PDB file of N, CA and C in Angstrom:
ATOM      1  N   MET A   1       0.886  -1.273   0.024  1.00  0.00           N
ATOM      2  CA  MET A   1       0.010  -0.084  -0.002  1.00  0.00           C
ATOM      3  C   MET A   1       0.872   1.254   0.090  1.00  0.00           C
ATOM      4  N   GLN A   2       0.664   2.095  -0.868  1.00  0.00           N
ATOM      5  CA  GLN A   2       1.460   3.276  -0.927  1.00  0.00           C
ATOM      6  C   GLN A   2       0.693   4.368  -0.169  1.00  0.00           C
ATOM      7  N   LEU A   3       1.664   5.160   0.713  1.00  0.00           N
ATOM      8  CA  LEU A   3       1.094   6.223   1.481  1.00  0.00           C
ATOM      9  C   LEU A   3       0.974   7.617   0.652  1.00  0.00           C
ATOM     10  N   THR A   4       0.108   8.333   0.862  1.00  0.00           N
ATOM     11  CA  THR A   4      -0.101   9.544   0.215  1.00  0.00           C
ATOM     12  C   THR A   4       0.223  10.543   1.205  1.00  0.00           C
ATOM     13  N   GLU A   5       1.150  11.723   0.836  1.00  0.00           N
ATOM     14  CA  GLU A   5       1.444  12.701   1.499  1.00  0.00           C
ATOM     15  C   GLU A   5       0.784  13.926   0.967  1.00  0.00           C
ATOM     16  N   LEU A   6      -0.122  14.689   1.896  1.00  0.00           N
ATOM     17  CA  LEU A   6      -0.648  16.023   1.356  1.00  0.00           C
ATOM     18  C   LEU A   6       0.366  17.040   1.111  1.00  0.00           C
ATOM     19  N   LEU A   7       0.231  17.702   0.021  1.00  0.00           N
ATOM     20  CA  LEU A   7       1.139  18.958  -0.304  1.00  0.00           C
ATOM     21  C   LEU A   7       0.679  19.944   0.581  1.00  0.00           C
ATOM     22  N   LYS A   8       1.523  20.806   1.213  1.00  0.00           N
ATOM     23  CA  LYS A   8       1.323  21.755   2.099  1.00  0.00           C
ATOM     24  C   LYS A   8       1.300  23.227   1.543  1.00  0.00           C
ATOM     25  N   PRO A   9       0.315  24.071   1.750  1.00  0.00           N
ATOM     26  CA  PRO A   9       0.485  25.350   1.207  1.00  0.00           C
ATOM     27  C   PRO A   9       1.649  26.252   1.658  1.00  0.00           C
ATOM     28  N   GLY A  10       2.328  26.940   0.797  1.00  0.00           N
ATOM     29  CA  GLY A  10       3.322  27.639   1.118  1.00  0.00           C
ATOM     30  C   GLY A  10       4.601  26.917   1.015  1.00  0.00           C
ATOM     31  N   LYS A  11       4.568  25.722   0.774  1.00  0.00           N
ATOM     32  CA  LYS A  11       5.846  24.986   0.615  1.00  0.00           C
ATOM     33  C   LYS A  11       6.365  24.750  -0.856  1.00  0.00           C
ATOM     34  N   TYR A  12       7.521  24.319  -1.125  1.00  0.00           N
ATOM     35  CA  TYR A  12       8.218  24.090  -2.394  1.00  0.00           C
ATOM     36  C   TYR A  12       8.174  22.685  -2.563  1.00  0.00           C
ATOM     37  N   TYR A  13       8.122  22.169  -3.818  1.00  0.00           N
ATOM     38  CA  TYR A  13       8.217  20.748  -4.150  1.00  0.00           C
ATOM     39  C   TYR A  13       8.764  20.722  -5.483  1.00  0.00           C
ATOM     40  N   HIS A  14       9.793  19.647  -5.616  1.00  0.00           N
ATOM     41  CA  HIS A  14      10.242  19.266  -6.752  1.00  0.00           C
ATOM     42  C   HIS A  14       9.491  18.083  -7.318  1.00  0.00           C
ATOM     43  N   ILE A  15       8.644  18.385  -8.440  1.00  0.00           N
ATOM     44  CA  ILE A  15       7.891  17.223  -9.088  1.00  0.00           C
ATOM     45  C   ILE A  15       8.570  16.752 -10.384  1.00  0.00           C
ATOM     46  N   TYR A  16       8.670  15.430 -10.427  1.00  0.00           N
ATOM     47  CA  TYR A  16       9.285  14.952 -11.503  1.00  0.00           C
ATOM     48  C   TYR A  16       8.747  13.533 -12.002  1.00  0.00           C
ATOM     49  N   ASN A  17       8.953  13.170 -13.124  1.00  0.00           N
ATOM     50  CA  ASN A  17       8.499  11.777 -13.625  1.00  0.00           C
ATOM     51  C   ASN A  17       9.368  11.433 -14.783  1.00  0.00           C
ATOM     52  N   CYS A  18       9.590   9.933 -15.171  1.00  0.00           N
ATOM     53  CA  CYS A  18      10.406   9.793 -16.196  1.00  0.00           C
ATOM     54  C   CYS A  18       9.646   8.337 -16.697  1.00  0.00           C
ATOM     55  N   GLY A  19       9.963   8.024 -18.026  1.00  0.00           N
ATOM     56  CA  GLY A  19       9.478   7.029 -18.653  1.00  0.00           C
ATOM     57  C   GLY A  19      10.055   5.598 -17.968  1.00  0.00           C
ATOM     58  N   ILE A  20       9.254   4.563 -17.943  1.00  0.00           N
ATOM     59  CA  ILE A  20       9.836   3.346 -17.523  1.00  0.00           C
ATOM     60  C   ILE A  20      11.012   2.922 -18.412  1.00  0.00           C
ATOM     61  N   ASN A  21      12.129   2.517 -17.744  1.00  0.00           N
ATOM     62  CA  ASN A  21      13.438   1.982 -18.590  1.00  0.00           C
ATOM     63  C   ASN A  21      13.708   3.023 -19.411  1.00  0.00           C
ATOM     64  N   GLY A  22      13.619   4.390 -19.092  1.00  0.00           N
ATOM     65  CA  GLY A  22      14.038   5.445 -19.948  1.00  0.00           C
ATOM     66  C   GLY A  22      13.283   5.769 -21.365  1.00  0.00           C
ATOM     67  N   THR A  23      12.175   5.140 -21.502  1.00  0.00           N
ATOM     68  CA  THR A  23      11.305   5.162 -22.590  1.00  0.00           C
ATOM     69  C   THR A  23      10.922   6.795 -22.687  1.00  0.00           C
ATOM     70  N   ASN A  24      10.554   7.190 -23.939  1.00  0.00           N
ATOM     71  CA  ASN A  24      10.209   8.670 -24.004  1.00  0.00           C
ATOM     72  C   ASN A  24       8.695   8.780 -23.695  1.00  0.00           C
ATOM     73  N   LEU A  25       8.458   9.890 -23.043  1.00  0.00           N
ATOM     74  CA  LEU A  25       7.206  10.208 -22.547  1.00  0.00           C
ATOM     75  C   LEU A  25       6.598  11.130 -23.834  1.00  0.00           C
ATOM     76  N   PHE A  26       7.551  11.893 -24.459  1.00  0.00           N
ATOM     77  CA  PHE A  26       6.938  12.802 -25.509  1.00  0.00           C
ATOM     78  C   PHE A  26       7.589  12.311 -26.982  1.00  0.00           C
ATOM     79  N   HIS A  27       6.729  12.251 -27.908  1.00  0.00           N
ATOM     80  CA  HIS A  27       7.164  11.468 -29.198  1.00  0.00           C
ATOM     81  C   HIS A  27       7.141  12.665 -30.234  1.00  0.00           C
ATOM     82  N   SER A  28       6.215  13.814 -30.097  1.00  0.00           N
ATOM     83  CA  SER A  28       6.070  14.638 -31.140  1.00  0.00           C
ATOM     84  C   SER A  28       5.822  16.009 -30.278  1.00  0.00           C
ATOM     85  N   ARG A  29       5.909  17.049 -31.007  1.00  0.00           N
ATOM     86  CA  ARG A  29       5.646  18.605 -30.538  1.00  0.00           C
ATOM     87  C   ARG A  29       4.177  18.382 -29.940  1.00  0.00           C
ATOM     88  N   GLU A  30       3.255  17.685 -30.481  1.00  0.00           N
ATOM     89  CA  GLU A  30       1.877  17.684 -30.040  1.00  0.00           C
ATOM     90  C   GLU A  30       1.843  17.204 -28.622  1.00  0.00           C
ATOM     91  N   ASP A  31       2.669  16.267 -28.303  1.00  0.00           N
ATOM     92  CA  ASP A  31       2.538  15.496 -27.027  1.00  0.00           C
ATOM     93  C   ASP A  31       3.243  16.608 -25.913  1.00  0.00           C
ATOM     94  N   TYR A  32       4.184  17.358 -26.301  1.00  0.00           N
ATOM     95  CA  TYR A  32       4.447  18.483 -25.313  1.00  0.00           C
ATOM     96  C   TYR A  32       3.508  19.486 -25.223  1.00  0.00           C
ATOM     97  N   ASP A  33       2.722  19.806 -26.373  1.00  0.00           N
ATOM     98  CA  ASP A  33       1.829  20.977 -26.194  1.00  0.00           C
ATOM     99  C   ASP A  33       0.482  20.199 -25.353  1.00  0.00           C
ATOM    100  N   ARG A  34       0.362  19.044 -25.442  1.00  0.00           N
ATOM    101  CA  ARG A  34      -0.857  18.375 -24.673  1.00  0.00           C
ATOM    102  C   ARG A  34      -0.570  18.503 -23.252  1.00  0.00           C
ATOM    103  N   PHE A  35       0.627  18.082 -23.054  1.00  0.00           N
ATOM    104  CA  PHE A  35       1.137  17.968 -21.506  1.00  0.00           C
ATOM    105  C   PHE A  35       1.183  19.475 -20.955  1.00  0.00           C
ATOM    106  N   LEU A  36       1.572  20.304 -21.622  1.00  0.00           N
ATOM    107  CA  LEU A  36       1.609  21.666 -21.191  1.00  0.00           C
ATOM    108  C   LEU A  36       0.044  22.242 -20.908  1.00  0.00           C
ATOM    109  N   LYS A  37      -0.832  21.794 -21.639  1.00  0.00           N
ATOM    110  CA  LYS A  37      -2.445  22.307 -21.449  1.00  0.00           C
ATOM    111  C   LYS A  37      -2.812  21.428 -20.274  1.00  0.00           C
ATOM    112  N   LEU A  38      -2.403  20.383 -19.958  1.00  0.00           N
ATOM    113  CA  LEU A  38      -2.959  19.639 -18.827  1.00  0.00           C
ATOM    114  C   LEU A  38      -2.123  20.306 -17.519  1.00  0.00           C
ATOM    115  N   VAL A  39      -1.005  20.696 -17.636  1.00  0.00           N
ATOM    116  CA  VAL A  39      -0.220  21.396 -16.454  1.00  0.00           C
ATOM    117  C   VAL A  39      -1.157  22.612 -16.358  1.00  0.00           C
ATOM    118  N   GLU A  40      -1.500  23.451 -17.269  1.00  0.00           N
ATOM    119  CA  GLU A  40      -2.287  24.565 -17.140  1.00  0.00           C
ATOM    120  C   GLU A  40      -3.656  24.503 -16.551  1.00  0.00           C
ATOM    121  N   LYS A  41      -4.268  23.474 -16.891  1.00  0.00           N
ATOM    122  CA  LYS A  41      -5.606  23.037 -16.391  1.00  0.00           C
ATOM    123  C   LYS A  41      -5.658  22.640 -14.823  1.00  0.00           C
ATOM    124  N   TYR A  42      -4.738  21.627 -14.531  1.00  0.00           N
ATOM    125  CA  TYR A  42      -4.640  21.063 -13.242  1.00  0.00           C
ATOM    126  C   TYR A  42      -3.683  21.665 -12.341  1.00  0.00           C
ATOM    127  N   ILE A  43      -2.416  22.083 -12.692  1.00  0.00           N
ATOM    128  CA  ILE A  43      -1.349  22.449 -11.729  1.00  0.00           C
ATOM    129  C   ILE A  43      -1.411  23.996 -11.418  1.00  0.00           C
ATOM    130  N   LEU A  44      -1.504  24.918 -12.597  1.00  0.00           N
ATOM    131  CA  LEU A  44      -1.426  26.267 -12.265  1.00  0.00           C
ATOM    132  C   LEU A  44      -2.476  26.730 -11.385  1.00  0.00           C
ATOM    133  N   PRO A  45      -3.776  26.258 -11.301  1.00  0.00           N
ATOM    134  CA  PRO A  45      -4.624  26.830 -10.310  1.00  0.00           C
ATOM    135  C   PRO A  45      -4.255  26.655  -8.948  1.00  0.00           C
ATOM    136  N   VAL A  46      -3.350  25.790  -8.438  1.00  0.00           N
ATOM    137  CA  VAL A  46      -3.020  25.449  -7.246  1.00  0.00           C
ATOM    138  C   VAL A  46      -1.516  25.681  -6.899  1.00  0.00           C
ATOM    139  N   CYS A  47      -0.709  25.741  -7.871  1.00  0.00           N
ATOM    140  CA  CYS A  47       0.638  25.952  -7.541  1.00  0.00           C
ATOM    141  C   CYS A  47       1.191  27.205  -8.525  1.00  0.00           C
ATOM    142  N   ASP A  48       2.442  27.783  -8.062  1.00  0.00           N
ATOM    143  CA  ASP A  48       3.095  28.790  -8.656  1.00  0.00           C
ATOM    144  C   ASP A  48       4.343  28.018  -9.218  1.00  0.00           C
ATOM    145  N   ILE A  49       4.585  28.086 -10.629  1.00  0.00           N
ATOM    146  CA  ILE A  49       5.745  27.370 -10.957  1.00  0.00           C
ATOM    147  C   ILE A  49       6.935  28.308 -11.111  1.00  0.00           C
ATOM    148  N   TYR A  50       8.231  27.743 -10.487  1.00  0.00           N
ATOM    149  CA  TYR A  50       9.403  28.567 -10.595  1.00  0.00           C
ATOM    150  C   TYR A  50      10.230  28.130 -11.550  1.00  0.00           C
ATOM    151  N   ALA A  51      10.350  26.815 -12.036  1.00  0.00           N
ATOM    152  CA  ALA A  51      11.148  26.452 -12.807  1.00  0.00           C
ATOM    153  C   ALA A  51      10.712  25.117 -13.488  1.00  0.00           C
ATOM    154  N   TRP A  52      10.968  24.783 -14.795  1.00  0.00           N
ATOM    155  CA  TRP A  52      10.401  23.630 -15.323  1.00  0.00           C
ATOM    156  C   TRP A  52      11.310  23.198 -16.560  1.00  0.00           C
ATOM    157  N   VAL A  53      11.339  22.012 -16.941  1.00  0.00           N
ATOM    158  CA  VAL A  53      11.992  21.472 -18.091  1.00  0.00           C
ATOM    159  C   VAL A  53      11.326  20.167 -18.577  1.00  0.00           C
ATOM    160  N   LEU A  54      11.122  20.050 -19.916  1.00  0.00           N
ATOM    161  CA  LEU A  54      10.418  18.760 -20.496  1.00  0.00           C
ATOM    162  C   LEU A  54      11.524  18.342 -21.375  1.00  0.00           C
ATOM    163  N   MET A  55      11.845  16.976 -21.107  1.00  0.00           N
ATOM    164  CA  MET A  55      12.849  16.237 -22.008  1.00  0.00           C
ATOM    165  C   MET A  55      12.152  15.267 -22.639  1.00  0.00           C
ATOM    166  N   LYS A  56      12.532  14.487 -23.661  1.00  0.00           N
ATOM    167  CA  LYS A  56      12.015  13.402 -24.203  1.00  0.00           C
ATOM    168  C   LYS A  56      11.512  12.176 -23.097  1.00  0.00           C
ATOM    169  N   ASN A  57      12.250  11.865 -22.240  1.00  0.00           N
ATOM    170  CA  ASN A  57      11.909  11.001 -21.267  1.00  0.00           C
ATOM    171  C   ASN A  57      11.548  11.211 -20.088  1.00  0.00           C
ATOM    172  N   HIS A  58      11.692  12.486 -19.672  1.00  0.00           N
ATOM    173  CA  HIS A  58      11.275  12.946 -18.293  1.00  0.00           C
ATOM    174  C   HIS A  58      11.021  14.393 -18.342  1.00  0.00           C
ATOM    175  N   PHE A  59      10.455  14.829 -16.931  1.00  0.00           N
ATOM    176  CA  PHE A  59      10.306  16.174 -16.884  1.00  0.00           C
ATOM    177  C   PHE A  59      10.601  16.580 -15.273  1.00  0.00           C
ATOM    178  N   HIS A  60      10.777  17.852 -15.013  1.00  0.00           N
ATOM    179  CA  HIS A  60      11.034  18.421 -13.735  1.00  0.00           C
ATOM    180  C   HIS A  60      10.323  19.684 -13.650  1.00  0.00           C
ATOM    181  N   TYR A  61       9.473  19.704 -12.334  1.00  0.00           N
ATOM    182  CA  TYR A  61       8.945  21.142 -12.094  1.00  0.00           C
ATOM    183  C   TYR A  61       9.278  21.465 -10.651  1.00  0.00           C
ATOM    184  N   LEU A  62       9.768  22.720 -10.381  1.00  0.00           N
ATOM    185  CA  LEU A  62       9.784  23.432  -9.017  1.00  0.00           C
ATOM    186  C   LEU A  62       8.501  24.271  -8.854  1.00  0.00           C
ATOM    187  N   VAL A  63       7.789  23.917  -8.007  1.00  0.00           N
ATOM    188  CA  VAL A  63       6.577  24.522  -7.612  1.00  0.00           C
ATOM    189  C   VAL A  63       6.379  24.897  -6.240  1.00  0.00           C
ATOM    190  N   LYS A  64       5.562  25.841  -6.043  1.00  0.00           N
ATOM    191  CA  LYS A  64       5.154  26.343  -4.703  1.00  0.00           C
ATOM    192  C   LYS A  64       3.613  26.154  -4.584  1.00  0.00           C
ATOM    193  N   ILE A  65       3.149  25.390  -3.562  1.00  0.00           N
ATOM    194  CA  ILE A  65       1.729  25.363  -3.375  1.00  0.00           C
ATOM    195  C   ILE A  65       1.004  26.786  -2.812  1.00  0.00           C
ATOM    196  N   ARG A  66      -0.039  27.148  -3.691  1.00  0.00           N
ATOM    197  CA  ARG A  66      -0.654  28.482  -3.237  1.00  0.00           C
ATOM    198  C   ARG A  66      -1.472  28.349  -2.067  1.00  0.00           C
ATOM    199  N   GLU A  67      -1.618  29.279  -1.175  1.00  0.00           N
ATOM    200  CA  GLU A  67      -2.404  29.332  -0.025  1.00  0.00           C
ATOM    201  C   GLU A  67      -3.689  29.875  -0.218  1.00  0.00           C
ATOM    202  N   ASN A  68      -4.707  29.552   0.653  1.00  0.00           N
ATOM    203  CA  ASN A  68      -6.014  29.967   0.490  1.00  0.00           C
ATOM    204  C   ASN A  68      -6.614  29.844  -0.809  1.00  0.00           C
ATOM    205  N   ARG A  69      -6.490  28.714  -1.389  1.00  0.00           N
ATOM    206  CA  ARG A  69      -7.124  28.369  -2.652  1.00  0.00           C
ATOM    207  C   ARG A  69      -8.178  27.198  -2.602  1.00  0.00           C
ATOM    208  N   ILE A  70      -9.329  27.339  -3.327  1.00  0.00           N
ATOM    209  CA  ILE A  70     -10.293  26.318  -3.504  1.00  0.00           C
ATOM    210  C   ILE A  70     -10.324  26.022  -4.904  1.00  0.00           C
ATOM    211  N   TYR A  71     -10.071  24.718  -5.288  1.00  0.00           N
ATOM    212  CA  TYR A  71      -9.992  24.274  -6.690  1.00  0.00           C
ATOM    213  C   TYR A  71     -10.940  23.151  -6.852  1.00  0.00           C
ATOM    214  N   LYS A  72     -11.710  23.068  -7.999  1.00  0.00           N
ATOM    215  CA  LYS A  72     -12.718  21.920  -8.137  1.00  0.00           C
ATOM    216  C   LYS A  72     -12.419  21.619  -9.690  1.00  0.00           C
ATOM    217  N   TYR A  73     -12.362  20.300 -10.054  1.00  0.00           N
ATOM    218  CA  TYR A  73     -12.320  19.859 -11.053  1.00  0.00           C
ATOM    219  C   TYR A  73     -13.117  18.484 -11.412  1.00  0.00           C
ATOM    220  N   SER A  74     -13.452  18.160 -12.473  1.00  0.00           N
ATOM    221  CA  SER A  74     -14.169  16.891 -12.750  1.00  0.00           C
ATOM    222  C   SER A  74     -13.394  16.159 -13.781  1.00  0.00           C
ATOM    223  N   ASN A  75     -13.231  14.785 -13.532  1.00  0.00           N
ATOM    224  CA  ASN A  75     -12.633  13.866 -14.404  1.00  0.00           C
ATOM    225  C   ASN A  75     -13.439  13.522 -15.697  1.00  0.00           C
ATOM    226  N   ASP A  76     -13.006  12.737 -16.392  1.00  0.00           N
ATOM    227  CA  ASP A  76     -13.695  12.381 -17.645  1.00  0.00           C
ATOM    228  C   ASP A  76     -14.941  11.189 -17.188  1.00  0.00           C
ATOM    229  N   ASN A  77     -14.484  10.663 -16.088  1.00  0.00           N
ATOM    230  CA  ASN A  77     -15.428   9.571 -15.603  1.00  0.00           C
ATOM    231  C   ASN A  77     -16.473  10.082 -14.565  1.00  0.00           C
ATOM    232  N   GLY A  78     -16.495  11.445 -14.422  1.00  0.00           N
ATOM    233  CA  GLY A  78     -17.577  12.111 -13.622  1.00  0.00           C
ATOM    234  C   GLY A  78     -17.169  12.272 -12.254  1.00  0.00           C
ATOM    235  N   SER A  79     -15.907  11.817 -11.823  1.00  0.00           N
ATOM    236  CA  SER A  79     -15.654  11.964 -10.191  1.00  0.00           C
ATOM    237  C   SER A  79     -15.225  13.522 -10.320  1.00  0.00           C
ATOM    238  N   VAL A  80     -15.399  14.028  -8.958  1.00  0.00           N
ATOM    239  CA  VAL A  80     -15.061  15.312  -8.792  1.00  0.00           C
ATOM    240  C   VAL A  80     -14.080  15.512  -7.666  1.00  0.00           C
ATOM    241  N   MET A  81     -13.193  16.272  -7.836  1.00  0.00           N
ATOM    242  CA  MET A  81     -12.200  16.587  -6.637  1.00  0.00           C
ATOM    243  C   MET A  81     -12.156  17.972  -6.172  1.00  0.00           C
ATOM    244  N   LEU A  82     -12.239  18.293  -4.977  1.00  0.00           N
ATOM    245  CA  LEU A  82     -12.078  19.505  -4.484  1.00  0.00           C
ATOM    246  C   LEU A  82     -11.022  19.696  -3.528  1.00  0.00           C
ATOM    247  N   ILE A  83     -10.034  20.521  -3.737  1.00  0.00           N
ATOM    248  CA  ILE A  83      -8.888  20.914  -2.854  1.00  0.00           C
ATOM    249  C   ILE A  83      -9.172  22.234  -2.312  1.00  0.00           C
ATOM    250  N   VAL A  84      -8.874  22.230  -1.075  1.00  0.00           N
ATOM    251  CA  VAL A  84      -9.099  23.497  -0.142  1.00  0.00           C
ATOM    252  C   VAL A  84      -7.924  23.418   0.682  1.00  0.00           C
ATOM    253  N   ASN A  85      -7.095  24.630   0.724  1.00  0.00           N
ATOM    254  CA  ASN A  85      -6.036  25.108   1.388  1.00  0.00           C
ATOM    255  C   ASN A  85      -6.432  26.017   2.340  1.00  0.00           C
TER     256      ASN A  85
END
């Protein structure tokens, strides 16, 4: 069972991920553009981004969680998540 740690408002976090066995996450310009649109939709409402880089097989973001934010979104399956700091 994986434990989940809540991100704390006002704190900085290094968020990163890479492809399994170094496989590419991004194969075309459209992949990068789609990823950036998802970041704009789900990350920017709750974080300030201080630095970022996207490479073919991994990415890094340095973010600070915003304080006093309420954010609500709905997934494709209809589930709703509400984040309140």
